[in-house]
Structure formats: C-alpha cells, structure tokens
Amino acid sequence: MPVLMELSRVLVSDLDDQQAMYLREVGGLRMFPILIGPFEAQAINRQLLEEEPFRPMTHQLLKNVIAALGGVIVEVMITEMKDHTYFAVLKVRTGETVHDVDCRPSDAIAMAVHYSPPLPIFVAEQVLNELG
C-alpha cells in the first residue's frame, strides 16, 4: 500500500554538488532524505519560494506540454529502490486512462510542487521498509 508523504525540506548547498530533499510521512513518523542534483534542488526550491522565472523552466514546460496534449499529472510515486537508486513515476491522466511515466524522484517532486496545491506524493511501503 502506498504511503502519503510530504516534502519536508530541501537542503541547497553552494559547497557541494550533492543536495538533499527530505520526505516525511503525513500523519506518521517516518522521514528520509533523497540526494539530488543542484539543478533539481534549485528548481524545487524556486517553486517553494514562489519565485517566478521570466520564461518557463523545464518542469513548467513539461507541465504545459502535458496540459496541451489533454493530460494532467494526478500524483507522483516513488516505486522502488535498486542499488541505492530510487525510481519514481508520474501518474498522468488522459481521459479515462492513467499512464505511469518513469522518472527520477527529484523530477517527480519538482513536478508535484509546480501544481497548486502540490500533487500528492506517495512512496511504496516496500521502499520505506527497505530504509528501516
């Protein structure tokens, strides 16, 4: 059963290429970090701070393309962890069909925060169990 999570915080460091975002269980105690790249961290942070860029950035562009094609992202989900790498999907609805689109967790979260309110973020129970 997927577990509803929320983005707790994003750590952006000018001294290191390894940034981190923390997901926290909604109504629970579990929390874990995911290391992400600096560009993804900046994209997420910029959106959280409501800083509007002059022109659409990558995640806004993807949101606009999906909408132009008649789709909408309904949720994001971190589905598994293999060899210390997380895997995620965007759940994109077009009409009555929901498509799972493979992506990195950092991009999934960046897409989630580009919606108001932010899209639901789920993590597979198996992933949380593997984390301990």
C-alpha atoms as a PDB file:
ATOM      1  CA  MET A   1       0.000   0.000   0.000  1.00  0.00           C
ATOM      2  CA  PRO A   2       1.485   3.391  -0.952  1.00  0.00           C
ATOM      3  CA  VAL A   3       2.224   5.817   1.882  1.00  0.00           C
ATOM      4  CA  LEU A   4       1.334   9.506   1.551  1.00  0.00           C
ATOM      5  CA  MET A   5       4.378  11.700   2.110  1.00  0.00           C
ATOM      6  CA  GLU A   6       5.102  15.404   2.006  1.00  0.00           C
ATOM      7  CA  LEU A   7       8.162  17.363   1.056  1.00  0.00           C
ATOM      8  CA  SER A   8       9.609  18.376   4.399  1.00  0.00           C
ATOM      9  CA  ARG A   9      12.591  20.422   3.252  1.00  0.00           C
ATOM     10  CA  VAL A  10      15.200  20.911   0.582  1.00  0.00           C
ATOM     11  CA  LEU A  11      18.830  21.469   1.508  1.00  0.00           C
ATOM     12  CA  VAL A  12      20.725  23.514  -1.050  1.00  0.00           C
ATOM     13  CA  SER A  13      24.482  23.862  -0.581  1.00  0.00           C
ATOM     14  CA  ASP A  14      26.804  26.071  -2.597  1.00  0.00           C
ATOM     15  CA  LEU A  15      29.756  23.984  -1.426  1.00  0.00           C
ATOM     16  CA  ASP A  16      28.653  20.586  -2.717  1.00  0.00           C
ATOM     17  CA  ASP A  17      27.012  19.079  -5.802  1.00  0.00           C
ATOM     18  CA  GLN A  18      25.019  16.705  -3.568  1.00  0.00           C
ATOM     19  CA  GLN A  19      21.805  18.392  -2.468  1.00  0.00           C
ATOM     20  CA  ALA A  20      19.063  16.677  -0.466  1.00  0.00           C
ATOM     21  CA  MET A  21      15.310  16.705  -0.206  1.00  0.00           C
ATOM     22  CA  TYR A  22      13.531  15.173   2.774  1.00  0.00           C
ATOM     23  CA  LEU A  23      10.191  13.408   2.562  1.00  0.00           C
ATOM     24  CA  ARG A  24       8.094  12.964   5.714  1.00  0.00           C
ATOM     25  CA  GLU A  25       5.151  10.631   6.226  1.00  0.00           C
ATOM     26  CA  VAL A  26       1.857  12.520   6.528  1.00  0.00           C
ATOM     27  CA  GLY A  27       0.428  11.703   9.961  1.00  0.00           C
ATOM     28  CA  GLY A  28       3.365   9.451  10.789  1.00  0.00           C
ATOM     29  CA  LEU A  29       6.940   9.448  11.995  1.00  0.00           C
ATOM     30  CA  ARG A  30       8.898   8.133   9.027  1.00  0.00           C
ATOM     31  CA  MET A  31      11.202  10.503   7.176  1.00  0.00           C
ATOM     32  CA  PHE A  32      14.074  10.010   4.761  1.00  0.00           C
ATOM     33  CA  PRO A  33      16.425  12.003   2.530  1.00  0.00           C
ATOM     34  CA  ILE A  34      16.986  11.627  -1.189  1.00  0.00           C
ATOM     35  CA  LEU A  35      20.184  13.031  -2.659  1.00  0.00           C
ATOM     36  CA  ILE A  36      19.524  15.139  -5.744  1.00  0.00           C
ATOM     37  CA  GLY A  37      21.470  17.310  -8.144  1.00  0.00           C
ATOM     38  CA  PRO A  38      21.889  21.065  -7.755  1.00  0.00           C
ATOM     39  CA  PHE A  39      19.657  21.978 -10.707  1.00  0.00           C
ATOM     40  CA  GLU A  40      16.771  19.858  -9.424  1.00  0.00           C
ATOM     41  CA  ALA A  41      17.211  21.268  -5.912  1.00  0.00           C
ATOM     42  CA  GLN A  42      17.135  24.808  -7.286  1.00  0.00           C
ATOM     43  CA  ALA A  43      14.026  24.072  -9.380  1.00  0.00           C
ATOM     44  CA  ILE A  44      12.182  22.696  -6.352  1.00  0.00           C
ATOM     45  CA  ASN A  45      13.377  25.467  -4.057  1.00  0.00           C
ATOM     46  CA  ARG A  46      12.499  28.192  -6.570  1.00  0.00           C
ATOM     47  CA  GLN A  47       8.942  26.862  -6.778  1.00  0.00           C
ATOM     48  CA  LEU A  48       8.601  26.558  -2.986  1.00  0.00           C
ATOM     49  CA  LEU A  49       9.752  30.171  -2.623  1.00  0.00           C
ATOM     50  CA  GLU A  50       7.253  31.165  -5.343  1.00  0.00           C
ATOM     51  CA  GLU A  51       9.986  32.717  -7.483  1.00  0.00           C
ATOM     52  CA  GLU A  52       8.568  33.029 -10.990  1.00  0.00           C
ATOM     53  CA  PRO A  53      11.203  32.803 -13.735  1.00  0.00           C
ATOM     54  CA  PHE A  54      10.962  35.178 -16.684  1.00  0.00           C
ATOM     55  CA  ARG A  55      10.422  32.225 -19.066  1.00  0.00           C
ATOM     56  CA  PRO A  56       9.202  28.654 -18.394  1.00  0.00           C
ATOM     57  CA  MET A  57      11.845  26.355 -16.970  1.00  0.00           C
ATOM     58  CA  THR A  58      11.980  22.620 -17.738  1.00  0.00           C
ATOM     59  CA  HIS A  59       9.395  21.392 -15.213  1.00  0.00           C
ATOM     60  CA  GLN A  60       6.913  24.144 -16.084  1.00  0.00           C
ATOM     61  CA  LEU A  61       7.454  23.336 -19.760  1.00  0.00           C
ATOM     62  CA  LEU A  62       6.675  19.655 -19.156  1.00  0.00           C
ATOM     63  CA  LYS A  63       3.539  20.577 -17.191  1.00  0.00           C
ATOM     64  CA  ASN A  64       2.445  22.850 -20.063  1.00  0.00           C
ATOM     65  CA  VAL A  65       3.101  20.165 -22.713  1.00  0.00           C
ATOM     66  CA  ILE A  66       1.119  17.544 -20.784  1.00  0.00           C
ATOM     67  CA  ALA A  67      -1.781  20.001 -20.413  1.00  0.00           C
ATOM     68  CA  ALA A  68      -1.628  20.980 -24.106  1.00  0.00           C
ATOM     69  CA  LEU A  69      -1.951  17.286 -25.004  1.00  0.00           C
ATOM     70  CA  GLY A  70      -5.030  16.925 -22.799  1.00  0.00           C
ATOM     71  CA  GLY A  71      -3.342  15.326 -19.817  1.00  0.00           C
ATOM     72  CA  VAL A  72      -2.840  16.149 -16.186  1.00  0.00           C
ATOM     73  CA  ILE A  73      -0.475  14.705 -13.598  1.00  0.00           C
ATOM     74  CA  VAL A  74      -2.602  13.396 -10.735  1.00  0.00           C
ATOM     75  CA  GLU A  75       0.112  12.159  -8.351  1.00  0.00           C
ATOM     76  CA  VAL A  76       3.728  11.111  -8.123  1.00  0.00           C
ATOM     77  CA  MET A  77       5.063   7.922  -6.600  1.00  0.00           C
ATOM     78  CA  ILE A  78       8.462   6.623  -5.576  1.00  0.00           C
ATOM     79  CA  THR A  79       8.080   2.992  -6.534  1.00  0.00           C
ATOM     80  CA  GLU A  80      11.309   1.218  -5.696  1.00  0.00           C
ATOM     81  CA  MET A  81      14.959   1.383  -4.763  1.00  0.00           C
ATOM     82  CA  LYS A  82      17.591  -0.662  -6.610  1.00  0.00           C
ATOM     83  CA  ASP A  83      21.306  -0.491  -5.877  1.00  0.00           C
ATOM     84  CA  HIS A  84      20.848   2.681  -3.781  1.00  0.00           C
ATOM     85  CA  THR A  85      18.912   4.399  -6.601  1.00  0.00           C
ATOM     86  CA  TYR A  86      15.286   5.443  -6.228  1.00  0.00           C
ATOM     87  CA  PHE A  87      12.774   5.079  -9.067  1.00  0.00           C
ATOM     88  CA  ALA A  88       9.586   7.089  -9.475  1.00  0.00           C
ATOM     89  CA  VAL A  89       6.623   7.547 -11.786  1.00  0.00           C
ATOM     90  CA  LEU A  90       4.373  10.419 -12.727  1.00  0.00           C
ATOM     91  CA  LYS A  91       0.736   9.296 -12.854  1.00  0.00           C
ATOM     92  CA  VAL A  92      -0.596  11.140 -15.919  1.00  0.00           C
ATOM     93  CA  ARG A  93      -4.310  11.020 -16.710  1.00  0.00           C
ATOM     94  CA  THR A  94      -5.557  11.459 -20.271  1.00  0.00           C
ATOM     95  CA  GLY A  95      -9.294  10.948 -20.443  1.00  0.00           C
ATOM     96  CA  GLU A  96     -10.122   7.750 -18.561  1.00  0.00           C
ATOM     97  CA  THR A  97      -6.579   6.330 -18.785  1.00  0.00           C
ATOM     98  CA  VAL A  98      -3.787   6.817 -16.237  1.00  0.00           C
ATOM     99  CA  HIS A  99      -0.260   6.367 -17.601  1.00  0.00           C
ATOM    100  CA  ASP A 100       2.796   5.635 -15.423  1.00  0.00           C
ATOM    101  CA  VAL A 101       5.679   7.730 -16.749  1.00  0.00           C
ATOM    102  CA  ASP A 102       9.112   6.672 -15.455  1.00  0.00           C
ATOM    103  CA  CYS A 103      11.191   9.484 -13.963  1.00  0.00           C
ATOM    104  CA  ARG A 104      13.713  10.368 -11.291  1.00  0.00           C
ATOM    105  CA  PRO A 105      12.285  11.148  -7.842  1.00  0.00           C
ATOM    106  CA  SER A 106      13.758  14.647  -7.981  1.00  0.00           C
ATOM    107  CA  ASP A 107      11.869  15.361 -11.201  1.00  0.00           C
ATOM    108  CA  ALA A 108       8.693  13.807  -9.785  1.00  0.00           C
ATOM    109  CA  ILE A 109       8.844  16.061  -6.725  1.00  0.00           C
ATOM    110  CA  ALA A 110       9.706  19.081  -8.872  1.00  0.00           C
ATOM    111  CA  MET A 111       6.607  18.364 -10.955  1.00  0.00           C
ATOM    112  CA  ALA A 112       4.475  17.895  -7.817  1.00  0.00           C
ATOM    113  CA  VAL A 113       5.368  21.325  -6.438  1.00  0.00           C
ATOM    114  CA  HIS A 114       4.556  23.010  -9.766  1.00  0.00           C
ATOM    115  CA  TYR A 115       0.858  22.462  -9.032  1.00  0.00           C
ATOM    116  CA  SER A 116      -1.221  24.435  -6.562  1.00  0.00           C
ATOM    117  CA  PRO A 117      -1.887  22.770  -4.248  1.00  0.00           C
ATOM    118  CA  PRO A 118       1.097  20.440  -4.711  1.00  0.00           C
ATOM    119  CA  LEU A 119       0.293  16.993  -6.069  1.00  0.00           C
ATOM    120  CA  PRO A 120       0.128  14.020  -3.688  1.00  0.00           C
ATOM    121  CA  ILE A 121       3.491  12.314  -3.184  1.00  0.00           C
ATOM    122  CA  PHE A 122       3.388   8.598  -2.445  1.00  0.00           C
ATOM    123  CA  VAL A 123       6.160   6.170  -1.536  1.00  0.00           C
ATOM    124  CA  ALA A 124       5.745   2.419  -1.844  1.00  0.00           C
ATOM    125  CA  GLU A 125       5.654   0.743   1.576  1.00  0.00           C
ATOM    126  CA  GLN A 126       8.379  -1.633   0.355  1.00  0.00           C
ATOM    127  CA  VAL A 127      10.745   1.332  -0.148  1.00  0.00           C
ATOM    128  CA  LEU A 128      10.123   2.604   3.378  1.00  0.00           C
ATOM    129  CA  ASN A 129      10.638  -0.904   4.782  1.00  0.00           C
ATOM    130  CA  GLU A 130      13.978  -1.204   2.979  1.00  0.00           C
ATOM    131  CA  LEU A 131      15.097   2.062   4.570  1.00  0.00           C
ATOM    132  CA  GLY A 132      14.466   0.634   8.014  1.00  0.00           C
END
